[in-house]
Amino acid sequence: MKVSTNWEGEMAYTMTNQRGKTMHLDPNGDGVSPMESVLGGLAGCMGIDIVMVLKPYQDKIKRLEIDTDGERNDEAPKYFKSIHITINIDGDIPASRVWRAVNLSDQKYCSVANSLNADLSYTVVLNGEEVEDPKK
């Protein structure tokens, strides 16, 4: 995996992957900050895993939205100390299966989650109601 990141002036950069897809990074302008892109990458990675693990229920998923809320260190380097991930999913899917997918993503499949040195915590909201992890 390789990306090229080019300075566009001031604090703006454009990242381009090997397929030619770009992301505009600019914490002070119209782009995404690098740390926001980490949160988005985490959510995207987990979302891919969750849908793959829930493949038998994929036609029953009506909505999947993942919110990430990161707490950063006060002093430089301002790394993420903790990140809370809320998985909002609607559909006719057993809560135990959703939690299984979340836990497999966290513990086994999500490369982004496993690359971070932050404490990760999770909330699952299924059809508008928070559901507990049956294994806890």
N, C-alpha and C. Protein backbone atom coordinates (compact mmCIF):
# COMPACT_ATOMS: atom_id res chain seq x y z
N MET A 1 0.85 -1.18 0.00
CA MET A 1 0.00 0.00 0.00
C MET A 1 0.89 1.23 0.00
N LYS A 2 0.52 2.19 -0.81
CA LYS A 2 1.31 3.40 -0.91
C LYS A 2 0.40 4.56 -1.29
N VAL A 3 0.64 5.72 -0.69
CA VAL A 3 -0.04 6.95 -1.07
C VAL A 3 1.02 8.04 -1.26
N SER A 4 0.68 9.02 -2.05
CA SER A 4 1.53 10.18 -2.25
C SER A 4 0.77 11.39 -1.73
N THR A 5 1.43 12.20 -0.90
CA THR A 5 0.77 13.35 -0.29
C THR A 5 1.55 14.60 -0.70
N ASN A 6 0.86 15.51 -1.39
CA ASN A 6 1.50 16.71 -1.93
C ASN A 6 1.01 17.96 -1.23
N TRP A 7 1.96 18.82 -0.88
CA TRP A 7 1.67 20.09 -0.24
C TRP A 7 1.00 21.02 -1.24
N GLU A 8 -0.09 21.68 -0.82
CA GLU A 8 -0.84 22.58 -1.69
C GLU A 8 -0.70 24.03 -1.21
N GLY A 9 0.16 24.27 -0.23
CA GLY A 9 0.32 25.61 0.33
C GLY A 9 -0.30 25.69 1.71
N GLU A 10 0.24 26.57 2.53
CA GLU A 10 -0.17 26.73 3.93
C GLU A 10 -0.24 25.36 4.62
N MET A 11 -1.43 24.91 5.07
CA MET A 11 -1.53 23.62 5.77
C MET A 11 -2.31 22.60 4.95
N ALA A 12 -2.49 22.86 3.66
CA ALA A 12 -3.30 22.00 2.80
C ALA A 12 -2.43 20.97 2.07
N TYR A 13 -2.96 19.76 1.98
CA TYR A 13 -2.30 18.67 1.27
C TYR A 13 -3.35 17.89 0.49
N THR A 14 -2.92 17.26 -0.58
CA THR A 14 -3.78 16.33 -1.30
C THR A 14 -3.09 14.98 -1.29
N MET A 15 -3.81 14.00 -0.78
CA MET A 15 -3.31 12.63 -0.73
C MET A 15 -3.90 11.89 -1.92
N THR A 16 -3.07 11.13 -2.64
CA THR A 16 -3.52 10.34 -3.78
C THR A 16 -3.06 8.91 -3.60
N ASN A 17 -4.01 7.98 -3.75
CA ASN A 17 -3.62 6.57 -3.63
C ASN A 17 -3.19 6.02 -4.99
N GLN A 18 -2.81 4.76 -5.02
CA GLN A 18 -2.30 4.14 -6.24
C GLN A 18 -3.37 4.01 -7.32
N ARG A 19 -4.64 4.13 -6.96
CA ARG A 19 -5.73 4.05 -7.94
C ARG A 19 -6.14 5.44 -8.43
N GLY A 20 -5.43 6.48 -7.97
CA GLY A 20 -5.72 7.84 -8.41
C GLY A 20 -6.82 8.54 -7.64
N LYS A 21 -7.31 7.93 -6.56
CA LYS A 21 -8.35 8.56 -5.73
C LYS A 21 -7.68 9.52 -4.76
N THR A 22 -8.33 10.66 -4.52
CA THR A 22 -7.71 11.69 -3.71
C THR A 22 -8.54 12.04 -2.48
N MET A 23 -7.84 12.59 -1.49
CA MET A 23 -8.48 13.16 -0.30
C MET A 23 -7.77 14.48 -0.01
N HIS A 24 -8.56 15.52 0.18
CA HIS A 24 -8.01 16.83 0.49
C HIS A 24 -7.88 16.98 2.00
N LEU A 25 -6.67 17.20 2.47
CA LEU A 25 -6.39 17.38 3.90
C LEU A 25 -6.08 18.86 4.14
N ASP A 26 -6.84 19.47 5.02
CA ASP A 26 -6.61 20.87 5.35
C ASP A 26 -7.34 21.20 6.64
N PRO A 27 -6.64 21.18 7.78
CA PRO A 27 -7.31 21.40 9.06
C PRO A 27 -7.87 22.81 9.21
N ASN A 28 -7.41 23.77 8.42
CA ASN A 28 -7.87 25.16 8.56
C ASN A 28 -8.74 25.62 7.40
N GLY A 29 -9.01 24.75 6.45
CA GLY A 29 -9.76 25.18 5.28
C GLY A 29 -10.93 24.27 4.97
N ASP A 30 -11.07 23.95 3.71
CA ASP A 30 -12.23 23.19 3.27
C ASP A 30 -11.98 21.69 3.20
N GLY A 31 -10.92 21.23 3.82
CA GLY A 31 -10.60 19.81 3.78
C GLY A 31 -10.80 19.13 5.12
N VAL A 32 -10.41 17.89 5.16
CA VAL A 32 -10.48 17.06 6.35
C VAL A 32 -9.14 17.16 7.07
N SER A 33 -9.17 17.23 8.40
CA SER A 33 -7.90 17.24 9.12
C SER A 33 -7.33 15.82 9.12
N PRO A 34 -6.03 15.68 9.24
CA PRO A 34 -5.45 14.33 9.29
C PRO A 34 -6.05 13.47 10.41
N MET A 35 -6.33 14.06 11.57
CA MET A 35 -6.89 13.28 12.67
C MET A 35 -8.35 12.91 12.41
N GLU A 36 -9.10 13.78 11.73
CA GLU A 36 -10.45 13.41 11.32
C GLU A 36 -10.41 12.24 10.35
N SER A 37 -9.41 12.23 9.48
CA SER A 37 -9.30 11.13 8.52
C SER A 37 -9.00 9.81 9.22
N VAL A 38 -8.28 9.88 10.36
CA VAL A 38 -8.05 8.66 11.14
C VAL A 38 -9.37 8.14 11.70
N LEU A 39 -10.20 9.03 12.25
CA LEU A 39 -11.51 8.61 12.78
C LEU A 39 -12.39 8.04 11.66
N GLY A 40 -12.38 8.70 10.51
CA GLY A 40 -13.16 8.21 9.37
C GLY A 40 -12.64 6.89 8.85
N GLY A 41 -11.32 6.73 8.83
CA GLY A 41 -10.73 5.46 8.41
C GLY A 41 -11.10 4.33 9.36
N LEU A 42 -11.11 4.62 10.65
CA LEU A 42 -11.52 3.63 11.65
C LEU A 42 -12.97 3.22 11.42
N ALA A 43 -13.85 4.20 11.24
CA ALA A 43 -15.27 3.91 11.02
C ALA A 43 -15.47 3.12 9.73
N GLY A 44 -14.79 3.51 8.67
CA GLY A 44 -14.93 2.80 7.40
C GLY A 44 -14.43 1.37 7.49
N CYS A 45 -13.30 1.18 8.15
CA CYS A 45 -12.73 -0.16 8.32
C CYS A 45 -13.69 -1.05 9.11
N MET A 46 -14.20 -0.52 10.21
CA MET A 46 -15.13 -1.30 11.03
C MET A 46 -16.43 -1.57 10.29
N GLY A 47 -16.91 -0.58 9.54
CA GLY A 47 -18.13 -0.77 8.78
C GLY A 47 -18.01 -1.89 7.75
N ILE A 48 -16.88 -1.93 7.06
CA ILE A 48 -16.63 -3.00 6.09
C ILE A 48 -16.65 -4.36 6.79
N ASP A 49 -15.96 -4.44 7.92
CA ASP A 49 -15.93 -5.71 8.68
C ASP A 49 -17.32 -6.11 9.15
N ILE A 50 -18.06 -5.16 9.71
CA ILE A 50 -19.39 -5.46 10.26
C ILE A 50 -20.30 -6.00 9.16
N VAL A 51 -20.31 -5.35 8.01
CA VAL A 51 -21.15 -5.82 6.91
C VAL A 51 -20.71 -7.21 6.43
N MET A 52 -19.40 -7.43 6.38
CA MET A 52 -18.91 -8.76 5.96
C MET A 52 -19.32 -9.84 6.95
N VAL A 53 -19.17 -9.57 8.25
CA VAL A 53 -19.53 -10.57 9.25
C VAL A 53 -21.05 -10.80 9.26
N LEU A 54 -21.80 -9.75 8.97
CA LEU A 54 -23.26 -9.86 8.95
C LEU A 54 -23.79 -10.25 7.57
N LYS A 55 -22.95 -10.81 6.73
CA LYS A 55 -23.35 -11.17 5.36
C LYS A 55 -24.67 -11.94 5.30
N PRO A 56 -24.92 -12.92 6.20
CA PRO A 56 -26.21 -13.61 6.14
C PRO A 56 -27.41 -12.69 6.39
N TYR A 57 -27.18 -11.53 6.99
CA TYR A 57 -28.25 -10.58 7.30
C TYR A 57 -28.17 -9.32 6.43
N GLN A 58 -27.26 -9.33 5.45
CA GLN A 58 -26.99 -8.11 4.68
C GLN A 58 -28.24 -7.53 4.03
N ASP A 59 -29.13 -8.36 3.55
CA ASP A 59 -30.34 -7.85 2.93
C ASP A 59 -31.32 -7.27 3.95
N LYS A 60 -31.06 -7.50 5.23
CA LYS A 60 -31.93 -6.98 6.29
C LYS A 60 -31.40 -5.67 6.87
N ILE A 61 -30.17 -5.29 6.53
CA ILE A 61 -29.60 -4.04 7.02
C ILE A 61 -30.25 -2.88 6.26
N LYS A 62 -30.92 -2.02 6.99
CA LYS A 62 -31.58 -0.86 6.39
C LYS A 62 -30.71 0.40 6.49
N ARG A 63 -29.88 0.46 7.53
CA ARG A 63 -29.02 1.63 7.74
C ARG A 63 -27.86 1.22 8.62
N LEU A 64 -26.69 1.73 8.30
CA LEU A 64 -25.51 1.55 9.14
C LEU A 64 -24.76 2.87 9.15
N GLU A 65 -24.67 3.47 10.32
CA GLU A 65 -23.96 4.73 10.50
C GLU A 65 -23.05 4.58 11.71
N ILE A 66 -21.79 4.95 11.53
CA ILE A 66 -20.82 4.79 12.61
C ILE A 66 -20.28 6.16 12.99
N ASP A 67 -20.48 6.52 14.25
CA ASP A 67 -19.98 7.79 14.78
C ASP A 67 -18.76 7.50 15.63
N THR A 68 -17.71 8.29 15.42
CA THR A 68 -16.49 8.13 16.21
C THR A 68 -16.20 9.44 16.93
N ASP A 69 -15.86 9.34 18.20
CA ASP A 69 -15.59 10.50 19.04
C ASP A 69 -14.27 10.26 19.75
N GLY A 70 -13.25 11.00 19.34
CA GLY A 70 -11.92 10.78 19.88
C GLY A 70 -11.52 11.83 20.90
N GLU A 71 -10.89 11.37 21.98
CA GLU A 71 -10.32 12.26 22.98
C GLU A 71 -8.81 12.29 22.76
N ARG A 72 -8.28 13.50 22.57
CA ARG A 72 -6.86 13.64 22.26
C ARG A 72 -6.04 14.06 23.47
N ASN A 73 -4.78 13.74 23.42
CA ASN A 73 -3.83 14.17 24.44
C ASN A 73 -3.77 15.70 24.44
N ASP A 74 -3.66 16.31 25.61
CA ASP A 74 -3.66 17.77 25.72
C ASP A 74 -2.40 18.41 25.14
N GLU A 75 -1.29 17.72 25.25
CA GLU A 75 -0.02 18.28 24.79
C GLU A 75 0.49 17.49 23.59
N ALA A 76 1.39 18.11 22.85
CA ALA A 76 1.98 17.44 21.69
C ALA A 76 2.81 16.25 22.14
N PRO A 77 2.72 15.15 21.45
CA PRO A 77 1.88 14.91 20.30
C PRO A 77 0.43 14.67 20.73
N LYS A 78 -0.50 15.24 20.01
CA LYS A 78 -1.92 15.17 20.38
C LYS A 78 -2.59 13.93 19.78
N TYR A 79 -2.07 12.79 20.18
CA TYR A 79 -2.60 11.51 19.73
C TYR A 79 -3.96 11.23 20.37
N PHE A 80 -4.68 10.25 19.84
CA PHE A 80 -5.93 9.85 20.45
C PHE A 80 -5.65 8.98 21.66
N LYS A 81 -6.12 9.44 22.83
CA LYS A 81 -6.01 8.63 24.05
C LYS A 81 -7.13 7.60 24.08
N SER A 82 -8.31 8.02 23.66
CA SER A 82 -9.45 7.11 23.64
C SER A 82 -10.37 7.50 22.49
N ILE A 83 -11.08 6.52 22.00
CA ILE A 83 -12.05 6.74 20.93
C ILE A 83 -13.29 5.94 21.27
N HIS A 84 -14.45 6.61 21.25
CA HIS A 84 -15.70 5.90 21.45
C HIS A 84 -16.39 5.77 20.10
N ILE A 85 -16.78 4.56 19.77
CA ILE A 85 -17.42 4.25 18.50
C ILE A 85 -18.87 3.86 18.77
N THR A 86 -19.79 4.55 18.12
CA THR A 86 -21.21 4.22 18.23
C THR A 86 -21.67 3.67 16.89
N ILE A 87 -22.14 2.43 16.92
CA ILE A 87 -22.63 1.77 15.71
C ILE A 87 -24.15 1.88 15.73
N ASN A 88 -24.70 2.64 14.80
CA ASN A 88 -26.14 2.80 14.65
C ASN A 88 -26.56 1.93 13.48
N ILE A 89 -27.34 0.91 13.76
CA ILE A 89 -27.74 -0.01 12.71
C ILE A 89 -29.23 -0.29 12.83
N ASP A 90 -29.90 -0.29 11.70
CA ASP A 90 -31.32 -0.59 11.65
C ASP A 90 -31.53 -1.80 10.77
N GLY A 91 -32.41 -2.69 11.21
CA GLY A 91 -32.74 -3.87 10.43
C GLY A 91 -33.15 -5.02 11.32
N ASP A 92 -33.61 -6.07 10.71
CA ASP A 92 -34.06 -7.26 11.44
C ASP A 92 -32.85 -8.18 11.66
N ILE A 93 -32.03 -7.80 12.64
CA ILE A 93 -30.78 -8.50 12.93
C ILE A 93 -30.71 -8.71 14.44
N PRO A 94 -30.40 -9.91 14.90
CA PRO A 94 -30.27 -10.13 16.35
C PRO A 94 -29.12 -9.29 16.93
N ALA A 95 -29.37 -8.68 18.09
CA ALA A 95 -28.35 -7.86 18.75
C ALA A 95 -27.07 -8.65 18.99
N SER A 96 -27.20 -9.93 19.33
CA SER A 96 -26.01 -10.75 19.59
C SER A 96 -25.13 -10.87 18.34
N ARG A 97 -25.74 -10.88 17.16
CA ARG A 97 -24.97 -10.97 15.91
C ARG A 97 -24.27 -9.65 15.61
N VAL A 98 -24.94 -8.55 15.90
CA VAL A 98 -24.31 -7.25 15.69
C VAL A 98 -23.10 -7.11 16.60
N TRP A 99 -23.27 -7.45 17.88
CA TRP A 99 -22.15 -7.38 18.82
C TRP A 99 -21.03 -8.33 18.42
N ARG A 100 -21.37 -9.50 17.92
CA ARG A 100 -20.35 -10.44 17.44
C ARG A 100 -19.53 -9.79 16.32
N ALA A 101 -20.21 -9.12 15.39
CA ALA A 101 -19.53 -8.46 14.28
C ALA A 101 -18.63 -7.33 14.79
N VAL A 102 -19.13 -6.54 15.75
CA VAL A 102 -18.34 -5.45 16.32
C VAL A 102 -17.09 -6.00 17.02
N ASN A 103 -17.27 -7.03 17.83
CA ASN A 103 -16.13 -7.60 18.56
C ASN A 103 -15.12 -8.26 17.63
N LEU A 104 -15.57 -8.93 16.59
CA LEU A 104 -14.63 -9.52 15.63
C LEU A 104 -13.85 -8.44 14.90
N SER A 105 -14.53 -7.35 14.54
CA SER A 105 -13.84 -6.25 13.89
C SER A 105 -12.77 -5.68 14.83
N ASP A 106 -13.15 -5.42 16.07
CA ASP A 106 -12.23 -4.84 17.06
C ASP A 106 -11.04 -5.76 17.35
N GLN A 107 -11.30 -7.03 17.55
CA GLN A 107 -10.27 -7.94 18.03
C GLN A 107 -9.48 -8.64 16.94
N LYS A 108 -10.05 -8.72 15.74
CA LYS A 108 -9.41 -9.55 14.72
C LYS A 108 -9.21 -8.88 13.37
N TYR A 109 -10.24 -8.25 12.84
CA TYR A 109 -10.20 -7.86 11.44
C TYR A 109 -9.79 -6.42 11.13
N CYS A 110 -10.17 -5.46 11.96
CA CYS A 110 -9.96 -4.05 11.60
C CYS A 110 -8.50 -3.64 11.78
N SER A 111 -7.83 -3.46 10.67
CA SER A 111 -6.41 -3.07 10.69
C SER A 111 -6.23 -1.68 11.30
N VAL A 112 -7.17 -0.79 11.07
CA VAL A 112 -7.04 0.56 11.63
C VAL A 112 -7.14 0.51 13.15
N ALA A 113 -8.15 -0.17 13.67
CA ALA A 113 -8.31 -0.28 15.13
C ALA A 113 -7.07 -0.89 15.76
N ASN A 114 -6.51 -1.88 15.11
CA ASN A 114 -5.36 -2.56 15.66
C ASN A 114 -4.05 -1.82 15.42
N SER A 115 -4.10 -0.72 14.67
CA SER A 115 -2.92 0.12 14.46
C SER A 115 -2.87 1.29 15.42
N LEU A 116 -3.97 1.54 16.11
CA LEU A 116 -4.05 2.69 17.01
C LEU A 116 -3.62 2.31 18.42
N ASN A 117 -3.06 3.29 19.12
CA ASN A 117 -2.67 3.10 20.51
C ASN A 117 -3.66 3.86 21.40
N ALA A 118 -4.94 3.68 21.12
CA ALA A 118 -6.00 4.35 21.88
C ALA A 118 -6.90 3.30 22.51
N ASP A 119 -7.49 3.64 23.63
CA ASP A 119 -8.50 2.77 24.23
C ASP A 119 -9.78 2.94 23.42
N LEU A 120 -10.30 1.84 22.89
CA LEU A 120 -11.51 1.88 22.10
C LEU A 120 -12.68 1.36 22.92
N SER A 121 -13.81 2.05 22.86
CA SER A 121 -15.03 1.59 23.52
C SER A 121 -16.17 1.67 22.52
N TYR A 122 -17.22 0.90 22.79
CA TYR A 122 -18.29 0.75 21.80
C TYR A 122 -19.67 0.88 22.42
N THR A 123 -20.59 1.41 21.62
CA THR A 123 -22.01 1.41 21.92
C THR A 123 -22.69 0.91 20.65
N VAL A 124 -23.67 0.02 20.81
CA VAL A 124 -24.46 -0.42 19.67
C VAL A 124 -25.89 0.05 19.87
N VAL A 125 -26.41 0.73 18.86
CA VAL A 125 -27.80 1.20 18.85
C VAL A 125 -28.48 0.46 17.71
N LEU A 126 -29.35 -0.46 18.06
CA LEU A 126 -30.06 -1.29 17.08
C LEU A 126 -31.51 -0.85 17.02
N ASN A 127 -31.92 -0.41 15.83
CA ASN A 127 -33.29 0.06 15.63
C ASN A 127 -33.70 1.13 16.64
N GLY A 128 -32.75 2.04 16.92
CA GLY A 128 -33.03 3.17 17.80
C GLY A 128 -32.87 2.91 19.29
N GLU A 129 -32.53 1.67 19.67
CA GLU A 129 -32.37 1.34 21.09
C GLU A 129 -30.97 0.80 21.37
N GLU A 130 -30.35 1.33 22.42
CA GLU A 130 -29.02 0.85 22.82
C GLU A 130 -29.15 -0.59 23.33
N VAL A 131 -28.27 -1.46 22.83
CA VAL A 131 -28.30 -2.86 23.25
C VAL A 131 -26.94 -3.21 23.85
N GLU A 132 -26.98 -3.99 24.92
CA GLU A 132 -25.77 -4.39 25.62
C GLU A 132 -25.10 -5.56 24.93
N ASP A 133 -23.78 -5.65 25.08
CA ASP A 133 -23.03 -6.81 24.59
C ASP A 133 -23.38 -7.99 25.46
N PRO A 134 -23.95 -9.07 24.90
CA PRO A 134 -24.36 -10.20 25.72
C PRO A 134 -23.18 -10.92 26.39
N LYS A 135 -21.96 -10.66 25.94
CA LYS A 135 -20.79 -11.32 26.53
C LYS A 135 -20.19 -10.53 27.69
N LYS A 136 -20.83 -9.41 28.04
CA LYS A 136 -20.29 -8.60 29.15
C LYS A 136 -21.24 -8.59 30.31
